[in-house]
Amino acid sequence: MLENILDRKFIKDKIKEAAIDAFKYVRQQEPELRFCGYALYSDTDAITVCPALNSCIHLTKMINDDPDDKVYYRWSPSEWSHEFKGVEFFDEISEYLRVEAKLIESNNEYEQFKSDVYQSCVLVLKELKEENFFSDMDGDGVIVFTISDVINNNECEWIELLNNNDVSQEFSTWIKALD
């Protein structure tokens, strides 16, 4: 049990370290840009973690080009201006997750592993928000954790935890309309 707790702490700490480094790297590379979205995302096997940032200029352009999908562009890190930028900072934790995943023998353990990784990502974003790391965004900015290529049942809960009520309601309404 203690080993599992230590593993979760190690995973969360490494994700946080990588997220800070990646987000700061992009900010330093593009000091003239204002960002309106920060995200972490993983895959369905929880063996990678990747960053994404969205510039306000890019979001505005995407919405102007396709106004019917404005909510999609706001909440979809795969459409963001700096999706995957800074991913090299996640190499160590992603390699660790790949190795750990190969050692898991049961489906129940694997589901718990995935849940732990996803929860770690959400907690990292929550901590960064509480530490005012995202203070460069205004109140309409979004913080996202998502899993690539699927809609996860927990996604509305994650978004609600990470964002103010108005923007999280927008996300919830949009997701429900997709069903």
Foldseek 3Di string as FASTA:
>chain_A
DVVVVVVLVVLLVLLLQLQLVQVVVVCVVCVPFQWQEKEWEAAPQLLAIAIAIATPVQLVVVCVVPVVCSLVCQAPRVNGPGGRGSRVSGVVSSVVSVVVSVPDDDPVVSVVSNVSSQVSRLVSLLVCVVVCVNVSHPQNGFYAYYYPPDHDPCRLVSRPSNHPPVNSVVVVVVVVVVD
